[in-house]
């Protein structure tokens, strides 16, 4: 099994196979999602620690940081636009979304890395469905309100995510070359 290159500080203490890293990466993102949705800004520190811990394992830290920066700016800006257009309402300013975008960006070349091999229309379908479902689930846990209703919000989010996900995959792929 292929071993993931860890940073020198962790190389003696940590030896992960590729499949172990993919599982940890996916579970880390899920932890960040749940911390954000259930605790919102209350657990920012813990979500940030999870993101930072993932960085200790990544070999191409500068590349991953660039991907994180670009994806987070695009995603968070888009979420802020959706707030301005009345698609979302949050009870407090959602700083946790910024950390969530950072955590999501780390999945693009890792646990979601298989998506790079999919045709663009499958990327679009996967993004449209999973992206909109993520926000709907957040609404079910009262992390966000959808004043336009579930159906209209879902359609808006599905269209946005069907474009956004392939674009983010393309950006992460280009920055990784």
N, C-alpha and C. Protein backbone atom coordinates (compact mmCIF):
# COMPACT_ATOMS: atom_id res chain seq x y z
N UNK A 1 0.83 -1.17 0.00
CA UNK A 1 0.00 0.00 0.00
C UNK A 1 0.88 1.24 0.00
N UNK A 2 0.52 2.24 -0.81
CA UNK A 2 1.30 3.46 -0.92
C UNK A 2 1.22 4.26 0.38
N UNK A 3 2.34 4.75 0.84
CA UNK A 3 2.39 5.56 2.06
C UNK A 3 2.30 7.04 1.72
N UNK A 4 1.59 7.78 2.53
CA UNK A 4 1.49 9.22 2.36
C UNK A 4 2.71 9.86 2.98
N UNK A 5 3.28 10.81 2.28
CA UNK A 5 4.43 11.52 2.83
C UNK A 5 3.97 12.51 3.88
N UNK A 6 4.40 12.31 5.08
CA UNK A 6 4.05 13.22 6.17
C UNK A 6 5.16 14.26 6.31
N UNK A 7 4.84 15.32 7.00
CA UNK A 7 5.85 16.34 7.27
C UNK A 7 6.94 15.71 8.12
N UNK A 8 8.15 16.27 8.09
CA UNK A 8 9.25 15.69 8.88
C UNK A 8 8.92 15.57 10.37
N UNK A 9 8.17 16.52 10.91
CA UNK A 9 7.85 16.49 12.33
C UNK A 9 6.99 15.28 12.68
N UNK A 10 6.18 14.84 11.73
CA UNK A 10 5.28 13.73 12.02
C UNK A 10 5.75 12.40 11.45
N UNK A 11 6.77 12.42 10.63
CA UNK A 11 7.15 11.20 9.93
C UNK A 11 7.49 10.05 10.88
N UNK A 12 8.08 10.33 12.01
CA UNK A 12 8.42 9.26 12.96
C UNK A 12 7.17 8.76 13.69
N UNK A 13 6.24 9.64 13.96
CA UNK A 13 5.08 9.27 14.75
C UNK A 13 3.88 8.85 13.91
N UNK A 14 3.86 9.17 12.62
CA UNK A 14 2.67 8.97 11.81
C UNK A 14 3.03 8.36 10.48
N UNK A 15 2.43 7.24 10.17
CA UNK A 15 2.65 6.60 8.88
C UNK A 15 1.30 6.14 8.38
N UNK A 16 0.74 6.88 7.43
CA UNK A 16 -0.60 6.59 6.92
C UNK A 16 -0.53 6.03 5.52
N UNK A 17 -1.34 5.04 5.23
CA UNK A 17 -1.48 4.59 3.86
C UNK A 17 -2.38 5.60 3.14
N UNK A 18 -2.40 5.54 1.83
CA UNK A 18 -3.25 6.44 1.05
C UNK A 18 -4.71 6.29 1.44
N UNK A 19 -5.17 5.05 1.58
CA UNK A 19 -6.57 4.84 1.92
C UNK A 19 -6.89 5.33 3.34
N UNK A 20 -5.95 5.18 4.27
CA UNK A 20 -6.17 5.70 5.61
C UNK A 20 -6.28 7.23 5.59
N UNK A 21 -5.41 7.88 4.80
CA UNK A 21 -5.46 9.33 4.70
C UNK A 21 -6.80 9.79 4.10
N UNK A 22 -7.27 9.10 3.06
CA UNK A 22 -8.54 9.48 2.44
C UNK A 22 -9.70 9.38 3.43
N UNK A 23 -9.69 8.35 4.24
CA UNK A 23 -10.73 8.19 5.26
C UNK A 23 -10.63 9.30 6.30
N UNK A 24 -9.42 9.58 6.77
CA UNK A 24 -9.22 10.65 7.75
C UNK A 24 -9.63 11.99 7.17
N UNK A 25 -9.28 12.24 5.91
CA UNK A 25 -9.64 13.48 5.25
C UNK A 25 -11.15 13.64 5.16
N UNK A 26 -11.84 12.59 4.75
CA UNK A 26 -13.30 12.65 4.64
C UNK A 26 -13.95 12.83 6.02
N UNK A 27 -13.48 12.08 7.00
CA UNK A 27 -14.04 12.19 8.35
C UNK A 27 -13.74 13.56 8.98
N UNK A 28 -12.57 14.11 8.69
CA UNK A 28 -12.23 15.44 9.20
C UNK A 28 -13.19 16.49 8.65
N UNK A 29 -13.49 16.40 7.35
CA UNK A 29 -14.43 17.35 6.78
C UNK A 29 -15.81 17.18 7.42
N UNK A 30 -16.23 15.94 7.61
CA UNK A 30 -17.53 15.71 8.25
C UNK A 30 -17.55 16.28 9.67
N UNK A 31 -16.46 16.13 10.39
CA UNK A 31 -16.38 16.69 11.74
C UNK A 31 -16.51 18.21 11.69
N UNK A 32 -15.82 18.84 10.75
CA UNK A 32 -15.90 20.30 10.60
C UNK A 32 -17.32 20.72 10.25
N UNK A 33 -17.97 19.96 9.37
CA UNK A 33 -19.36 20.26 8.98
C UNK A 33 -20.27 20.19 10.20
N UNK A 34 -20.18 19.09 10.96
CA UNK A 34 -21.04 18.92 12.13
C UNK A 34 -20.75 19.97 13.19
N UNK A 35 -19.48 20.27 13.43
CA UNK A 35 -19.14 21.31 14.41
C UNK A 35 -19.73 22.66 14.00
N UNK A 36 -19.65 22.96 12.70
CA UNK A 36 -20.21 24.22 12.22
C UNK A 36 -21.72 24.25 12.29
N UNK A 37 -22.35 23.20 11.81
CA UNK A 37 -23.80 23.17 11.77
C UNK A 37 -24.41 23.13 13.18
N UNK A 38 -23.86 22.30 14.03
CA UNK A 38 -24.44 22.17 15.38
C UNK A 38 -23.98 23.27 16.33
N UNK A 39 -22.72 23.69 16.22
CA UNK A 39 -22.20 24.67 17.16
C UNK A 39 -22.03 26.05 16.57
N UNK A 40 -22.12 26.14 15.25
CA UNK A 40 -21.91 27.37 14.50
C UNK A 40 -20.59 28.02 14.92
N UNK A 41 -20.59 29.24 15.38
CA UNK A 41 -19.32 29.92 15.70
C UNK A 41 -18.70 29.45 17.02
N UNK A 42 -19.43 28.67 17.80
CA UNK A 42 -18.96 28.23 19.11
C UNK A 42 -17.72 27.34 19.02
N UNK A 43 -17.61 26.55 17.96
CA UNK A 43 -16.50 25.60 17.84
C UNK A 43 -15.52 25.96 16.73
N UNK A 44 -15.42 27.23 16.42
CA UNK A 44 -14.47 27.66 15.39
C UNK A 44 -13.06 27.18 15.69
N UNK A 45 -12.66 27.30 16.93
CA UNK A 45 -11.31 26.91 17.33
C UNK A 45 -11.04 25.44 17.05
N UNK A 46 -12.01 24.58 17.33
CA UNK A 46 -11.82 23.15 17.12
C UNK A 46 -11.78 22.81 15.63
N UNK A 47 -12.65 23.44 14.86
CA UNK A 47 -12.63 23.24 13.41
C UNK A 47 -11.31 23.71 12.82
N UNK A 48 -10.80 24.84 13.31
CA UNK A 48 -9.52 25.36 12.82
C UNK A 48 -8.38 24.40 13.19
N UNK A 49 -8.45 23.80 14.36
CA UNK A 49 -7.44 22.81 14.76
C UNK A 49 -7.48 21.61 13.83
N UNK A 50 -8.67 21.15 13.47
CA UNK A 50 -8.78 20.00 12.55
C UNK A 50 -8.17 20.33 11.20
N UNK A 51 -8.45 21.53 10.69
CA UNK A 51 -7.85 21.95 9.41
C UNK A 51 -6.33 22.01 9.55
N UNK A 52 -5.85 22.60 10.63
CA UNK A 52 -4.40 22.73 10.84
C UNK A 52 -3.74 21.35 10.95
N UNK A 53 -4.37 20.43 11.64
CA UNK A 53 -3.82 19.08 11.77
C UNK A 53 -3.71 18.38 10.42
N UNK A 54 -4.69 18.61 9.57
CA UNK A 54 -4.61 18.02 8.23
C UNK A 54 -3.40 18.58 7.47
N UNK A 55 -3.13 19.85 7.66
CA UNK A 55 -1.99 20.47 6.99
C UNK A 55 -0.67 19.86 7.43
N UNK A 56 -0.60 19.37 8.66
CA UNK A 56 0.65 18.78 9.12
C UNK A 56 0.99 17.51 8.34
N UNK A 57 0.00 16.87 7.76
CA UNK A 57 0.20 15.63 7.02
C UNK A 57 0.43 15.88 5.53
N UNK A 58 -0.05 16.99 5.02
CA UNK A 58 0.03 17.26 3.58
C UNK A 58 1.47 17.51 3.14
N UNK A 59 1.81 16.94 2.03
CA UNK A 59 3.16 17.11 1.50
C UNK A 59 3.30 18.46 0.78
N UNK A 60 2.35 18.79 -0.06
CA UNK A 60 2.42 20.02 -0.86
C UNK A 60 1.67 21.14 -0.14
N UNK A 61 2.21 21.59 0.97
CA UNK A 61 1.53 22.57 1.82
C UNK A 61 1.22 23.88 1.09
N UNK A 62 2.18 24.40 0.33
CA UNK A 62 1.96 25.66 -0.37
C UNK A 62 0.86 25.51 -1.42
N UNK A 63 0.89 24.44 -2.16
CA UNK A 63 -0.15 24.19 -3.16
C UNK A 63 -1.51 24.07 -2.49
N UNK A 64 -1.58 23.28 -1.43
CA UNK A 64 -2.85 23.10 -0.71
C UNK A 64 -3.33 24.41 -0.10
N UNK A 65 -2.41 25.24 0.37
CA UNK A 65 -2.79 26.53 0.92
C UNK A 65 -3.39 27.42 -0.17
N UNK A 66 -2.79 27.40 -1.36
CA UNK A 66 -3.32 28.19 -2.48
C UNK A 66 -4.72 27.71 -2.85
N UNK A 67 -4.90 26.40 -2.90
CA UNK A 67 -6.23 25.84 -3.20
C UNK A 67 -7.22 26.27 -2.13
N UNK A 68 -6.80 26.18 -0.87
CA UNK A 68 -7.67 26.58 0.23
C UNK A 68 -8.05 28.05 0.13
N UNK A 69 -7.08 28.88 -0.15
CA UNK A 69 -7.33 30.31 -0.25
C UNK A 69 -8.32 30.62 -1.37
N UNK A 70 -8.06 30.08 -2.55
CA UNK A 70 -8.93 30.36 -3.71
C UNK A 70 -10.33 29.79 -3.48
N UNK A 71 -10.42 28.52 -3.08
CA UNK A 71 -11.73 27.89 -2.89
C UNK A 71 -12.51 28.57 -1.77
N UNK A 72 -11.83 28.94 -0.70
CA UNK A 72 -12.51 29.59 0.42
C UNK A 72 -13.02 30.97 0.04
N UNK A 73 -12.22 31.72 -0.69
CA UNK A 73 -12.66 33.06 -1.12
C UNK A 73 -13.86 32.93 -2.06
N UNK A 74 -13.79 32.02 -3.02
CA UNK A 74 -14.91 31.84 -3.95
C UNK A 74 -16.16 31.37 -3.20
N UNK A 75 -16.00 30.31 -2.41
CA UNK A 75 -17.16 29.74 -1.72
C UNK A 75 -17.78 30.67 -0.70
N UNK A 76 -16.95 31.28 0.14
CA UNK A 76 -17.46 32.17 1.17
C UNK A 76 -18.08 33.41 0.55
N UNK A 77 -17.47 33.94 -0.50
CA UNK A 77 -18.04 35.11 -1.19
C UNK A 77 -19.39 34.76 -1.80
N UNK A 78 -19.48 33.59 -2.37
CA UNK A 78 -20.75 33.14 -2.94
C UNK A 78 -21.81 33.01 -1.85
N UNK A 79 -21.44 32.44 -0.70
CA UNK A 79 -22.38 32.35 0.41
C UNK A 79 -22.82 33.73 0.88
N UNK A 80 -21.91 34.68 0.92
CA UNK A 80 -22.26 36.05 1.33
C UNK A 80 -23.22 36.69 0.32
N UNK A 81 -23.00 36.41 -0.97
CA UNK A 81 -23.94 36.90 -1.99
C UNK A 81 -25.32 36.28 -1.80
N UNK A 82 -25.36 35.01 -1.48
CA UNK A 82 -26.64 34.35 -1.26
C UNK A 82 -27.36 34.92 -0.04
N UNK A 83 -26.60 35.36 0.94
CA UNK A 83 -27.20 36.05 2.09
C UNK A 83 -27.79 37.38 1.62
N UNK A 84 -27.01 38.13 0.83
CA UNK A 84 -27.47 39.44 0.34
C UNK A 84 -28.73 39.33 -0.52
N UNK A 85 -28.84 38.24 -1.28
CA UNK A 85 -30.00 38.03 -2.15
C UNK A 85 -31.16 37.33 -1.44
N UNK A 86 -31.00 37.09 -0.14
CA UNK A 86 -32.10 36.55 0.64
C UNK A 86 -32.32 35.05 0.52
N UNK A 87 -31.34 34.34 -0.01
CA UNK A 87 -31.46 32.89 -0.10
C UNK A 87 -31.18 32.26 1.26
N UNK A 88 -30.24 32.84 2.01
CA UNK A 88 -29.87 32.35 3.34
C UNK A 88 -30.12 33.45 4.36
N UNK A 89 -30.42 33.03 5.58
CA UNK A 89 -30.44 33.92 6.73
C UNK A 89 -29.77 33.15 7.88
N UNK A 90 -28.82 33.81 8.53
CA UNK A 90 -28.14 33.23 9.68
C UNK A 90 -28.46 34.08 10.90
N UNK A 91 -28.55 33.44 12.05
CA UNK A 91 -28.85 34.17 13.28
C UNK A 91 -27.68 35.05 13.72
N UNK A 92 -26.45 34.60 13.45
CA UNK A 92 -25.24 35.39 13.70
C UNK A 92 -24.36 35.27 12.45
N UNK A 93 -23.39 36.16 12.35
CA UNK A 93 -22.52 36.09 11.18
C UNK A 93 -21.82 34.72 11.16
N UNK A 94 -21.90 33.99 10.04
CA UNK A 94 -21.41 32.60 9.99
C UNK A 94 -19.91 32.47 9.70
N UNK A 95 -19.10 32.83 10.68
CA UNK A 95 -17.65 32.66 10.51
C UNK A 95 -17.30 31.18 10.29
N UNK A 96 -18.10 30.30 10.86
CA UNK A 96 -17.87 28.87 10.74
C UNK A 96 -17.89 28.42 9.28
N UNK A 97 -18.62 29.14 8.42
CA UNK A 97 -18.63 28.79 7.00
C UNK A 97 -17.26 28.95 6.36
N UNK A 98 -16.51 29.94 6.82
CA UNK A 98 -15.17 30.16 6.28
C UNK A 98 -14.27 28.96 6.59
N UNK A 99 -14.34 28.46 7.82
CA UNK A 99 -13.56 27.27 8.20
C UNK A 99 -14.07 26.05 7.42
N UNK A 100 -15.38 25.97 7.25
CA UNK A 100 -15.96 24.86 6.49
C UNK A 100 -15.44 24.85 5.06
N UNK A 101 -15.36 26.01 4.45
CA UNK A 101 -14.82 26.10 3.09
C UNK A 101 -13.35 25.68 3.06
N UNK A 102 -12.61 26.06 4.09
CA UNK A 102 -11.21 25.63 4.17
C UNK A 102 -11.10 24.12 4.26
N UNK A 103 -11.93 23.52 5.11
CA UNK A 103 -11.93 22.07 5.24
C UNK A 103 -12.37 21.38 3.95
N UNK A 104 -13.37 21.97 3.29
CA UNK A 104 -13.84 21.39 2.03
C UNK A 104 -12.74 21.44 0.97
N UNK A 105 -12.00 22.53 0.94
CA UNK A 105 -10.95 22.67 -0.10
C UNK A 105 -9.89 21.57 0.02
N UNK A 106 -9.62 21.11 1.24
CA UNK A 106 -8.63 20.05 1.42
C UNK A 106 -9.13 18.71 0.87
N UNK A 107 -10.44 18.56 0.75
CA UNK A 107 -10.97 17.30 0.20
C UNK A 107 -10.85 17.23 -1.32
N UNK A 108 -10.71 18.37 -1.98
CA UNK A 108 -10.78 18.39 -3.46
C UNK A 108 -9.74 17.51 -4.13
N UNK A 109 -8.55 17.44 -3.60
CA UNK A 109 -7.51 16.59 -4.19
C UNK A 109 -7.26 15.32 -3.39
N UNK A 110 -8.08 15.09 -2.39
CA UNK A 110 -7.84 13.94 -1.52
C UNK A 110 -9.08 13.05 -1.51
N UNK A 111 -9.95 13.16 -0.51
CA UNK A 111 -11.10 12.25 -0.46
C UNK A 111 -12.07 12.46 -1.61
N UNK A 112 -12.11 13.64 -2.19
CA UNK A 112 -12.91 13.87 -3.40
C UNK A 112 -12.06 13.85 -4.67
N UNK A 113 -10.81 13.43 -4.54
CA UNK A 113 -9.90 13.40 -5.68
C UNK A 113 -10.38 12.54 -6.83
N UNK A 114 -11.16 11.49 -6.53
CA UNK A 114 -11.69 10.64 -7.59
C UNK A 114 -12.57 11.42 -8.56
N UNK A 115 -13.15 12.52 -8.11
CA UNK A 115 -14.05 13.32 -8.94
C UNK A 115 -13.32 13.97 -10.12
N UNK A 116 -12.01 14.14 -10.00
CA UNK A 116 -11.23 14.70 -11.11
C UNK A 116 -11.32 13.81 -12.35
N UNK A 117 -11.50 12.52 -12.15
CA UNK A 117 -11.56 11.57 -13.26
C UNK A 117 -12.96 11.47 -13.88
N UNK A 118 -13.95 12.08 -13.25
CA UNK A 118 -15.31 12.03 -13.76
C UNK A 118 -15.49 13.04 -14.89
N UNK A 119 -16.40 12.74 -15.80
CA UNK A 119 -16.77 13.70 -16.84
C UNK A 119 -17.39 14.93 -16.18
N UNK A 120 -17.27 16.07 -16.84
CA UNK A 120 -17.75 17.32 -16.25
C UNK A 120 -19.23 17.25 -15.87
N UNK A 121 -20.05 16.57 -16.68
CA UNK A 121 -21.48 16.52 -16.39
C UNK A 121 -21.76 15.67 -15.15
N UNK A 122 -20.92 14.68 -14.87
CA UNK A 122 -21.07 13.91 -13.63
C UNK A 122 -20.59 14.72 -12.43
N UNK A 123 -19.54 15.50 -12.63
CA UNK A 123 -19.11 16.42 -11.58
C UNK A 123 -20.23 17.41 -11.26
N UNK A 124 -20.86 17.93 -12.31
CA UNK A 124 -21.96 18.88 -12.15
C UNK A 124 -23.14 18.24 -11.41
N UNK A 125 -23.48 17.03 -11.79
CA UNK A 125 -24.58 16.32 -11.14
C UNK A 125 -24.26 16.07 -9.67
N UNK A 126 -23.06 15.57 -9.40
CA UNK A 126 -22.64 15.30 -8.03
C UNK A 126 -22.63 16.58 -7.20
N UNK A 127 -22.09 17.65 -7.76
CA UNK A 127 -22.06 18.93 -7.06
C UNK A 127 -23.44 19.48 -6.82
N UNK A 128 -24.29 19.45 -7.84
CA UNK A 128 -25.64 19.99 -7.71
C UNK A 128 -26.45 19.28 -6.64
N UNK A 129 -26.35 17.96 -6.62
CA UNK A 129 -27.12 17.19 -5.64
C UNK A 129 -26.52 17.32 -4.25
N UNK A 130 -25.22 17.02 -4.11
CA UNK A 130 -24.62 17.01 -2.77
C UNK A 130 -24.49 18.41 -2.18
N UNK A 131 -24.18 19.39 -3.01
CA UNK A 131 -24.06 20.76 -2.50
C UNK A 131 -25.38 21.27 -1.94
N UNK A 132 -26.46 21.09 -2.71
CA UNK A 132 -27.76 21.57 -2.23
C UNK A 132 -28.23 20.78 -1.01
N UNK A 133 -27.98 19.47 -1.00
CA UNK A 133 -28.39 18.65 0.15
C UNK A 133 -27.65 19.06 1.43
N UNK A 134 -26.41 19.49 1.30
CA UNK A 134 -25.64 19.92 2.46
C UNK A 134 -26.29 21.14 3.12
N UNK A 135 -26.72 22.10 2.30
CA UNK A 135 -27.37 23.29 2.85
C UNK A 135 -28.76 22.96 3.41
N UNK A 136 -29.48 22.05 2.74
CA UNK A 136 -30.78 21.64 3.25
C UNK A 136 -30.64 20.94 4.60
N UNK A 137 -29.62 20.10 4.73
CA UNK A 137 -29.36 19.44 6.01
C UNK A 137 -29.02 20.47 7.07
N UNK A 138 -28.22 21.47 6.71
CA UNK A 138 -27.90 22.54 7.65
C UNK A 138 -29.15 23.26 8.12
N UNK A 139 -30.11 23.46 7.22
CA UNK A 139 -31.37 24.11 7.58
C UNK A 139 -32.18 23.23 8.53
N UNK A 140 -32.14 21.94 8.33
CA UNK A 140 -32.87 21.01 9.23
C UNK A 140 -32.32 21.07 10.65
N UNK A 141 -31.04 21.40 10.79
CA UNK A 141 -30.42 21.52 12.11
C UNK A 141 -30.38 22.98 12.58
N UNK A 142 -31.11 23.86 11.91
CA UNK A 142 -31.26 25.26 12.29
C UNK A 142 -29.96 26.06 12.23
N UNK A 143 -29.03 25.63 11.41
CA UNK A 143 -27.79 26.40 11.23
C UNK A 143 -28.01 27.55 10.25
N UNK A 144 -29.00 27.40 9.39
CA UNK A 144 -29.33 28.40 8.39
C UNK A 144 -30.83 28.36 8.15
N UNK A 145 -31.39 29.51 7.82
CA UNK A 145 -32.80 29.58 7.43
C UNK A 145 -32.85 29.79 5.92
N UNK A 146 -33.86 29.22 5.31
CA UNK A 146 -34.06 29.34 3.86
C UNK A 146 -35.39 30.06 3.62
N UNK A 147 -35.38 31.40 3.64
CA UNK A 147 -36.62 32.15 3.55
C UNK A 147 -37.39 31.95 2.24
N UNK A 148 -36.72 31.51 1.20
CA UNK A 148 -37.40 31.27 -0.07
C UNK A 148 -38.08 29.90 -0.11
N UNK A 149 -37.89 29.13 0.95
CA UNK A 149 -38.48 27.80 1.00
C UNK A 149 -37.48 26.75 0.51
N UNK A 150 -37.76 25.51 0.86
CA UNK A 150 -36.84 24.44 0.51
C UNK A 150 -36.74 24.19 -0.99
N UNK A 151 -37.85 24.19 -1.69
CA UNK A 151 -37.82 23.87 -3.11
C UNK A 151 -37.06 24.92 -3.91
N UNK A 152 -37.41 26.18 -3.75
CA UNK A 152 -36.73 27.24 -4.50
C UNK A 152 -35.26 27.33 -4.10
N UNK A 153 -34.98 27.23 -2.81
CA UNK A 153 -33.59 27.27 -2.35
C UNK A 153 -32.80 26.10 -2.91
N UNK A 154 -33.40 24.92 -2.91
CA UNK A 154 -32.73 23.74 -3.46
C UNK A 154 -32.40 23.91 -4.93
N UNK A 155 -33.33 24.45 -5.68
CA UNK A 155 -33.10 24.65 -7.11
C UNK A 155 -31.97 25.65 -7.35
N UNK A 156 -31.99 26.75 -6.61
CA UNK A 156 -30.93 27.75 -6.73
C UNK A 156 -29.58 27.13 -6.38
N UNK A 157 -29.52 26.42 -5.27
CA UNK A 157 -28.27 25.81 -4.82
C UNK A 157 -27.80 24.71 -5.77
N UNK A 158 -28.73 23.94 -6.32
CA UNK A 158 -28.36 22.88 -7.26
C UNK A 158 -27.72 23.47 -8.51
N UNK A 159 -28.28 24.56 -9.00
CA UNK A 159 -27.71 25.21 -10.19
C UNK A 159 -26.32 25.76 -9.87
N UNK A 160 -26.21 26.46 -8.75
CA UNK A 160 -24.92 27.04 -8.35
C UNK A 160 -23.87 25.95 -8.17
N UNK A 161 -24.20 24.90 -7.42
CA UNK A 161 -23.24 23.84 -7.14
C UNK A 161 -22.92 22.98 -8.35
N UNK A 162 -23.83 22.93 -9.32
CA UNK A 162 -23.52 22.16 -10.53
C UNK A 162 -22.46 22.87 -11.37
N UNK A 163 -22.31 24.16 -11.15
CA UNK A 163 -21.23 24.91 -11.80
C UNK A 163 -20.02 25.00 -10.88
N UNK A 164 -20.28 25.29 -9.62
CA UNK A 164 -19.20 25.53 -8.65
C UNK A 164 -18.30 24.32 -8.44
N UNK A 165 -18.87 23.15 -8.28
CA UNK A 165 -18.06 21.97 -7.98
C UNK A 165 -17.07 21.65 -9.11
N UNK A 166 -17.52 21.58 -10.37
CA UNK A 166 -16.53 21.34 -11.44
C UNK A 166 -15.48 22.46 -11.54
N UNK A 167 -15.88 23.70 -11.28
CA UNK A 167 -14.93 24.81 -11.32
C UNK A 167 -13.88 24.65 -10.22
N UNK A 168 -14.31 24.32 -9.01
CA UNK A 168 -13.36 24.14 -7.91
C UNK A 168 -12.44 22.95 -8.17
N UNK A 169 -12.98 21.88 -8.73
CA UNK A 169 -12.12 20.74 -9.10
C UNK A 169 -11.10 21.14 -10.14
N UNK A 170 -11.52 21.92 -11.12
CA UNK A 170 -10.60 22.38 -12.16
C UNK A 170 -9.51 23.27 -11.57
N UNK A 171 -9.89 24.17 -10.70
CA UNK A 171 -8.91 25.07 -10.07
C UNK A 171 -7.93 24.26 -9.24
N UNK A 172 -8.43 23.33 -8.44
CA UNK A 172 -7.53 22.55 -7.58
C UNK A 172 -6.60 21.68 -8.43
N UNK A 173 -7.11 21.17 -9.54
CA UNK A 173 -6.27 20.37 -10.43
C UNK A 173 -5.19 21.20 -11.08
N UNK A 174 -5.56 22.40 -11.54
CA UNK A 174 -4.56 23.28 -12.19
C UNK A 174 -3.49 23.76 -11.21
N UNK A 175 -3.92 24.11 -10.00
CA UNK A 175 -2.95 24.57 -9.02
C UNK A 175 -2.02 23.45 -8.54
N UNK A 176 -2.45 22.22 -8.70
CA UNK A 176 -1.65 21.07 -8.26
C UNK A 176 -0.62 20.63 -9.27
N UNK A 177 -0.68 21.15 -10.47
CA UNK A 177 0.27 20.72 -11.52
C UNK A 177 1.63 21.30 -11.31
